[in-house]
C-alpha atoms as a PDB file:
ATOM      1  CA  MET A   1      64.084  18.831   2.175  1.00  0.00           C
ATOM      2  CA  ARG A   2      60.901  17.861   3.989  1.00  0.00           C
ATOM      3  CA  LYS A   3      59.365  16.014   1.090  1.00  0.00           C
ATOM      4  CA  ALA A   4      58.210  12.464   0.519  1.00  0.00           C
ATOM      5  CA  ASP A   5      56.817  10.455  -2.318  1.00  0.00           C
ATOM      6  CA  LEU A   6      55.359   6.991  -2.216  1.00  0.00           C
ATOM      7  CA  THR A   7      53.200   4.551  -4.052  1.00  0.00           C
ATOM      8  CA  ARG A   8      50.706   2.135  -2.576  1.00  0.00           C
ATOM      9  CA  LYS A   9      49.370  -0.634  -4.773  1.00  0.00           C
ATOM     10  CA  THR A  10      46.945  -3.293  -3.584  1.00  0.00           C
ATOM     11  CA  THR A  11      44.264  -5.366  -5.265  1.00  0.00           C
ATOM     12  CA  GLU A  12      41.824  -2.612  -4.241  1.00  0.00           C
ATOM     13  CA  THR A  13      43.698   0.633  -4.917  1.00  0.00           C
ATOM     14  CA  ASP A  14      46.661   2.110  -6.769  1.00  0.00           C
ATOM     15  CA  ILE A  15      47.916   5.358  -5.212  1.00  0.00           C
ATOM     16  CA  SER A  16      50.752   7.705  -6.089  1.00  0.00           C
ATOM     17  CA  LEU A  17      51.508  10.538  -3.673  1.00  0.00           C
ATOM     18  CA  VAL A  18      53.988  13.376  -3.200  1.00  0.00           C
ATOM     19  CA  VAL A  19      53.960  15.767  -0.217  1.00  0.00           C
ATOM     20  CA  ASP A  20      56.052  18.843   0.507  1.00  0.00           C
ATOM     21  CA  LEU A  21      55.734  20.099   4.084  1.00  0.00           C
ATOM     22  CA  ASP A  22      57.221  23.450   3.131  1.00  0.00           C
ATOM     23  CA  GLY A  23      54.910  24.117   0.224  1.00  0.00           C
ATOM     24  CA  THR A  24      52.273  26.745  -0.428  1.00  0.00           C
ATOM     25  CA  GLY A  25      49.171  24.566  -0.217  1.00  0.00           C
ATOM     26  CA  LEU A  26      49.223  23.465  -3.839  1.00  0.00           C
ATOM     27  CA  ALA A  27      46.815  20.579  -4.410  1.00  0.00           C
ATOM     28  CA  ARG A  28      46.749  18.237  -7.384  1.00  0.00           C
ATOM     29  CA  ILE A  29      44.189  15.665  -6.310  1.00  0.00           C
ATOM     30  CA  ALA A  30      42.442  12.987  -8.395  1.00  0.00           C
ATOM     31  CA  THR A  31      41.027  10.085  -6.400  1.00  0.00           C
ATOM     32  CA  GLY A  32      37.891   9.252  -8.355  1.00  0.00           C
ATOM     33  CA  VAL A  33      35.869  10.229  -5.273  1.00  0.00           C
ATOM     34  CA  GLY A  34      34.675  13.795  -5.800  1.00  0.00           C
ATOM     35  CA  PHE A  35      33.963  14.697  -2.195  1.00  0.00           C
ATOM     36  CA  LEU A  36      37.328  13.302  -1.052  1.00  0.00           C
ATOM     37  CA  ASP A  37      39.064  15.379  -3.725  1.00  0.00           C
ATOM     38  CA  HIS A  38      37.326  18.474  -2.337  1.00  0.00           C
ATOM     39  CA  MET A  39      38.344  17.651   1.250  1.00  0.00           C
ATOM     40  CA  LEU A  40      41.977  16.865   0.353  1.00  0.00           C
ATOM     41  CA  ASP A  41      42.155  20.133  -1.563  1.00  0.00           C
ATOM     42  CA  GLN A  42      41.075  21.896   1.655  1.00  0.00           C
ATOM     43  CA  LEU A  43      43.632  19.897   3.656  1.00  0.00           C
ATOM     44  CA  ALA A  44      46.458  20.997   1.356  1.00  0.00           C
ATOM     45  CA  ARG A  45      45.410  24.628   1.090  1.00  0.00           C
ATOM     46  CA  HIS A  46      44.932  25.193   4.810  1.00  0.00           C
ATOM     47  CA  SER A  47      47.997  23.249   5.970  1.00  0.00           C
ATOM     48  CA  LEU A  48      50.252  24.840   3.305  1.00  0.00           C
ATOM     49  CA  ILE A  49      51.441  21.297   2.555  1.00  0.00           C
ATOM     50  CA  ASP A  50      51.690  20.639  -1.176  1.00  0.00           C
ATOM     51  CA  ILE A  51      49.877  17.400  -1.984  1.00  0.00           C
ATOM     52  CA  THR A  52      49.919  15.628  -5.328  1.00  0.00           C
ATOM     53  CA  LEU A  53      47.765  12.521  -5.082  1.00  0.00           C
ATOM     54  CA  SER A  54      46.474  10.215  -7.778  1.00  0.00           C
ATOM     55  CA  ALA A  55      44.351   7.211  -6.854  1.00  0.00           C
ATOM     56  CA  ARG A  56      42.488   4.538  -8.726  1.00  0.00           C
ATOM     57  CA  GLY A  57      40.285   2.320  -6.624  1.00  0.00           C
ATOM     58  CA  ASP A  58      37.455  -0.168  -6.725  1.00  0.00           C
ATOM     59  CA  THR A  59      34.819   2.545  -6.520  1.00  0.00           C
ATOM     60  CA  HIS A  60      32.452   0.290  -8.483  1.00  0.00           C
ATOM     61  CA  ILE A  61      32.103  -1.525  -5.129  1.00  0.00           C
ATOM     62  CA  ASP A  62      32.079   1.622  -2.981  1.00  0.00           C
ATOM     63  CA  ASP A  63      34.393   4.450  -1.909  1.00  0.00           C
ATOM     64  CA  HIS A  64      35.634   2.815   1.300  1.00  0.00           C
ATOM     65  CA  HIS A  65      38.930   1.320   0.092  1.00  0.00           C
ATOM     66  CA  THR A  66      39.927   4.446  -1.819  1.00  0.00           C
ATOM     67  CA  VAL A  67      39.201   6.799   1.087  1.00  0.00           C
ATOM     68  CA  GLU A  68      40.915   4.609   3.679  1.00  0.00           C
ATOM     69  CA  ASP A  69      43.961   3.904   1.513  1.00  0.00           C
ATOM     70  CA  CYS A  70      44.395   7.606   0.733  1.00  0.00           C
ATOM     71  CA  GLY A  71      44.462   8.196   4.512  1.00  0.00           C
ATOM     72  CA  ILE A  72      47.026   5.408   4.933  1.00  0.00           C
ATOM     73  CA  ALA A  73      49.243   6.771   2.159  1.00  0.00           C
ATOM     74  CA  LEU A  74      49.018  10.371   3.383  1.00  0.00           C
ATOM     75  CA  GLY A  75      49.876   9.318   6.944  1.00  0.00           C
ATOM     76  CA  GLN A  76      52.894   7.352   5.733  1.00  0.00           C
ATOM     77  CA  ALA A  77      54.056  10.224   3.527  1.00  0.00           C
ATOM     78  CA  LEU A  78      53.758  12.759   6.359  1.00  0.00           C
ATOM     79  CA  ALA A  79      55.774  10.514   8.676  1.00  0.00           C
ATOM     80  CA  LYS A  80      58.437  10.005   6.007  1.00  0.00           C
ATOM     81  CA  ALA A  81      58.672  13.742   5.237  1.00  0.00           C
ATOM     82  CA  LEU A  82      59.003  14.597   8.948  1.00  0.00           C
ATOM     83  CA  GLY A  83      61.972  12.268   9.393  1.00  0.00           C
ATOM     84  CA  ASP A  84      63.218  12.348  13.003  1.00  0.00           C
ATOM     85  CA  LYS A  85      61.044  15.448  13.664  1.00  0.00           C
ATOM     86  CA  ALA A  86      63.954  17.545  14.929  1.00  0.00           C
ATOM     87  CA  GLY A  87      63.135  21.237  15.233  1.00  0.00           C
ATOM     88  CA  ILE A  88      59.358  21.007  14.741  1.00  0.00           C
ATOM     89  CA  ARG A  89      56.697  22.392  17.041  1.00  0.00           C
ATOM     90  CA  ARG A  90      55.155  18.876  17.330  1.00  0.00           C
ATOM     91  CA  TYR A  91      51.782  19.971  18.735  1.00  0.00           C
ATOM     92  CA  GLY A  92      48.977  21.712  16.901  1.00  0.00           C
ATOM     93  CA  HIS A  93      45.437  22.789  17.661  1.00  0.00           C
ATOM     94  CA  PHE A  94      42.700  24.736  15.970  1.00  0.00           C
ATOM     95  CA  VAL A  95      39.035  25.523  16.553  1.00  0.00           C
ATOM     96  CA  LEU A  96      37.347  26.113  13.228  1.00  0.00           C
ATOM     97  CA  ALA A  97      33.980  27.698  12.467  1.00  0.00           C
ATOM     98  CA  MET A  98      32.324  26.625   9.218  1.00  0.00           C
ATOM     99  CA  ASP A  99      28.946  28.349   9.115  1.00  0.00           C
ATOM    100  CA  ASP A 100      26.777  26.313  11.533  1.00  0.00           C
ATOM    101  CA  ALA A 101      29.591  23.901  12.436  1.00  0.00           C
ATOM    102  CA  GLN A 102      32.327  24.443  14.997  1.00  0.00           C
ATOM    103  CA  LEU A 103      34.950  21.752  15.345  1.00  0.00           C
ATOM    104  CA  ALA A 104      38.076  21.567  17.518  1.00  0.00           C
ATOM    105  CA  CYS A 105      41.201  19.639  16.579  1.00  0.00           C
ATOM    106  CA  ALA A 106      44.217  18.954  18.765  1.00  0.00           C
ATOM    107  CA  LEU A 107      47.071  16.778  17.580  1.00  0.00           C
ATOM    108  CA  ASP A 108      50.500  15.542  18.573  1.00  0.00           C
ATOM    109  CA  LEU A 109      53.057  14.223  16.092  1.00  0.00           C
ATOM    110  CA  SER A 110      54.189  11.856  18.824  1.00  0.00           C
ATOM    111  CA  GLY A 111      54.665   8.672  16.829  1.00  0.00           C
ATOM    112  CA  ARG A 112      51.897   7.166  18.978  1.00  0.00           C
ATOM    113  CA  PRO A 113      48.729   6.835  16.903  1.00  0.00           C
ATOM    114  CA  TYR A 114      45.464   7.441  18.710  1.00  0.00           C
ATOM    115  CA  LEU A 115      42.183   8.813  17.428  1.00  0.00           C
ATOM    116  CA  VAL A 116      39.541  10.425  19.603  1.00  0.00           C
ATOM    117  CA  TRP A 117      36.466  10.985  17.434  1.00  0.00           C
ATOM    118  CA  ASN A 118      33.604  12.956  18.928  1.00  0.00           C
ATOM    119  CA  VAL A 119      31.951  13.860  15.656  1.00  0.00           C
ATOM    120  CA  ALA A 120      28.429  12.872  14.660  1.00  0.00           C
ATOM    121  CA  PHE A 121      26.846  13.547  11.298  1.00  0.00           C
ATOM    122  CA  PRO A 122      23.125  14.325  11.065  1.00  0.00           C
ATOM    123  CA  THR A 123      22.856  12.552   7.689  1.00  0.00           C
ATOM    124  CA  PRO A 124      24.346   9.273   6.436  1.00  0.00           C
ATOM    125  CA  ARG A 125      25.483  10.807   3.137  1.00  0.00           C
ATOM    126  CA  ILE A 126      26.827  14.000   1.634  1.00  0.00           C
ATOM    127  CA  GLY A 127      25.620  13.633  -1.931  1.00  0.00           C
ATOM    128  CA  SER A 128      26.738  10.084  -2.721  1.00  0.00           C
ATOM    129  CA  PHE A 129      29.576  10.144  -0.155  1.00  0.00           C
ATOM    130  CA  ASP A 130      29.123   8.000   2.974  1.00  0.00           C
ATOM    131  CA  THR A 131      29.745  10.226   6.020  1.00  0.00           C
ATOM    132  CA  GLU A 132      31.207   7.344   8.063  1.00  0.00           C
ATOM    133  CA  LEU A 133      34.179   7.421   5.670  1.00  0.00           C
ATOM    134  CA  VAL A 134      35.333  10.720   7.181  1.00  0.00           C
ATOM    135  CA  ARG A 135      36.216   8.867  10.386  1.00  0.00           C
ATOM    136  CA  GLU A 136      37.818   6.050   8.370  1.00  0.00           C
ATOM    137  CA  PHE A 137      40.091   8.561   6.644  1.00  0.00           C
ATOM    138  CA  PHE A 138      41.244  10.148   9.898  1.00  0.00           C
ATOM    139  CA  GLN A 139      41.703   6.750  11.588  1.00  0.00           C
ATOM    140  CA  ALA A 140      44.010   5.715   8.743  1.00  0.00           C
ATOM    141  CA  LEU A 141      45.860   9.059   8.790  1.00  0.00           C
ATOM    142  CA  SER A 142      46.398   8.815  12.549  1.00  0.00           C
ATOM    143  CA  SER A 143      47.444   5.165  12.537  1.00  0.00           C
ATOM    144  CA  HIS A 144      49.906   5.402   9.663  1.00  0.00           C
ATOM    145  CA  GLY A 145      51.199   8.892  10.436  1.00  0.00           C
ATOM    146  CA  GLY A 146      51.847   8.144  14.112  1.00  0.00           C
ATOM    147  CA  ILE A 147      49.555  11.006  15.086  1.00  0.00           C
ATOM    148  CA  THR A 148      47.581  11.419  18.289  1.00  0.00           C
ATOM    149  CA  LEU A 149      44.490  13.112  16.870  1.00  0.00           C
ATOM    150  CA  HIS A 150      41.491  14.472  18.769  1.00  0.00           C
ATOM    151  CA  LEU A 151      38.466  15.811  16.894  1.00  0.00           C
ATOM    152  CA  ASP A 152      35.512  17.234  18.797  1.00  0.00           C
ATOM    153  CA  LEU A 153      32.411  18.665  17.165  1.00  0.00           C
ATOM    154  CA  ASN A 154      31.077  21.446  19.367  1.00  0.00           C
ATOM    155  CA  HIS A 155      27.973  21.944  17.234  1.00  0.00           C
ATOM    156  CA  GLY A 156      26.726  21.662  13.673  1.00  0.00           C
ATOM    157  CA  ILE A 157      23.640  20.807  11.669  1.00  0.00           C
ATOM    158  CA  ASN A 158      24.955  20.448   8.102  1.00  0.00           C
ATOM    159  CA  SER A 159      26.967  17.307   7.286  1.00  0.00           C
ATOM    160  CA  HIS A 160      28.996  18.972   4.527  1.00  0.00           C
ATOM    161  CA  HIS A 161      29.996  21.805   6.853  1.00  0.00           C
ATOM    162  CA  ILE A 162      30.910  19.356   9.629  1.00  0.00           C
ATOM    163  CA  ALA A 163      33.141  17.279   7.331  1.00  0.00           C
ATOM    164  CA  GLU A 164      34.795  20.369   5.889  1.00  0.00           C
ATOM    165  CA  ALA A 165      35.385  21.785   9.371  1.00  0.00           C
ATOM    166  CA  ALA A 166      37.085  18.514  10.316  1.00  0.00           C
ATOM    167  CA  PHE A 167      39.476  18.599   7.359  1.00  0.00           C
ATOM    168  CA  LYS A 168      40.216  22.311   7.694  1.00  0.00           C
ATOM    169  CA  SER A 169      40.817  22.153  11.455  1.00  0.00           C
ATOM    170  CA  VAL A 170      43.180  19.204  11.010  1.00  0.00           C
ATOM    171  CA  ALA A 171      44.943  21.132   8.255  1.00  0.00           C
ATOM    172  CA  ARG A 172      45.448  24.207  10.433  1.00  0.00           C
ATOM    173  CA  ALA A 173      46.631  22.098  13.373  1.00  0.00           C
ATOM    174  CA  LEU A 174      49.055  20.203  11.104  1.00  0.00           C
ATOM    175  CA  ARG A 175      50.367  23.496   9.766  1.00  0.00           C
ATOM    176  CA  MET A 176      51.215  24.530  13.316  1.00  0.00           C
ATOM    177  CA  ALA A 177      52.705  21.167  14.323  1.00  0.00           C
ATOM    178  CA  VAL A 178      55.040  20.680  11.335  1.00  0.00           C
ATOM    179  CA  GLU A 179      56.382  24.238  11.449  1.00  0.00           C
ATOM    180  CA  ALA A 180      59.973  24.795  12.451  1.00  0.00           C
ATOM    181  CA  ASP A 181      60.254  26.035  16.026  1.00  0.00           C
ATOM    182  CA  PRO A 182      62.901  28.787  16.094  1.00  0.00           C
ATOM    183  CA  ARG A 183      63.682  27.959  19.746  1.00  0.00           C
ATOM    184  CA  GLN A 184      63.938  24.182  19.235  1.00  0.00           C
ATOM    185  CA  SER A 185      66.806  22.621  17.315  1.00  0.00           C
ATOM    186  CA  GLY A 186      66.547  19.081  18.614  1.00  0.00           C
ATOM    187  CA  ILE A 187      63.783  16.548  18.894  1.00  0.00           C
ATOM    188  CA  PRO A 188      60.884  18.000  20.887  1.00  0.00           C
ATOM    189  CA  SER A 189      60.694  15.221  23.482  1.00  0.00           C
ATOM    190  CA  THR A 190      62.350  14.502  26.819  1.00  0.00           C
ATOM    191  CA  LYS A 191      62.794  10.935  25.516  1.00  0.00           C
ATOM    192  CA  GLY A 192      65.128  12.104  22.781  1.00  0.00           C
ATOM    193  CA  SER A 193      63.063  10.545  19.989  1.00  0.00           C
ATOM    194  CA  LEU A 194      59.557  10.560  18.606  1.00  0.00           C
END
């Protein structure tokens, strides 16, 4: 059973989360941040990871704490659901075209968090959503999921398309990395652990 549930409660946010790595991409997302809900829906649907996430945050201040803490919680839940990572593919990559935007993602479920972020947005906001929060989300996901995560924007002129390409490419790469490898029964590392 590659599932995990957790809660994260701070003075800034209150998050409840359930993930199922072997799902169908079912998303039940309510964060109070509309654009984040849209992106997490894409993450679930394209990774085929079921995600049920409810968050209440101090959005009267801004969206930062909610977005970052959702990334933290999702990273922790993914790590918990993966367990010792025996039998998984471990690595994933995907180059995604989203209209004008093309973005490449490569990731390693190594247990060693590292984010390479070569993504620039042409506008500071997508509607009311601060575009710098996209990086904050992926930094939190990487750090708390133990994921080496590289995101490189090849080109793009529309901030919404760039953000969506980032979430969808990560989703597709995650889908590949968490899949069972029919030729690998043990932990996919010469070290014997990840």
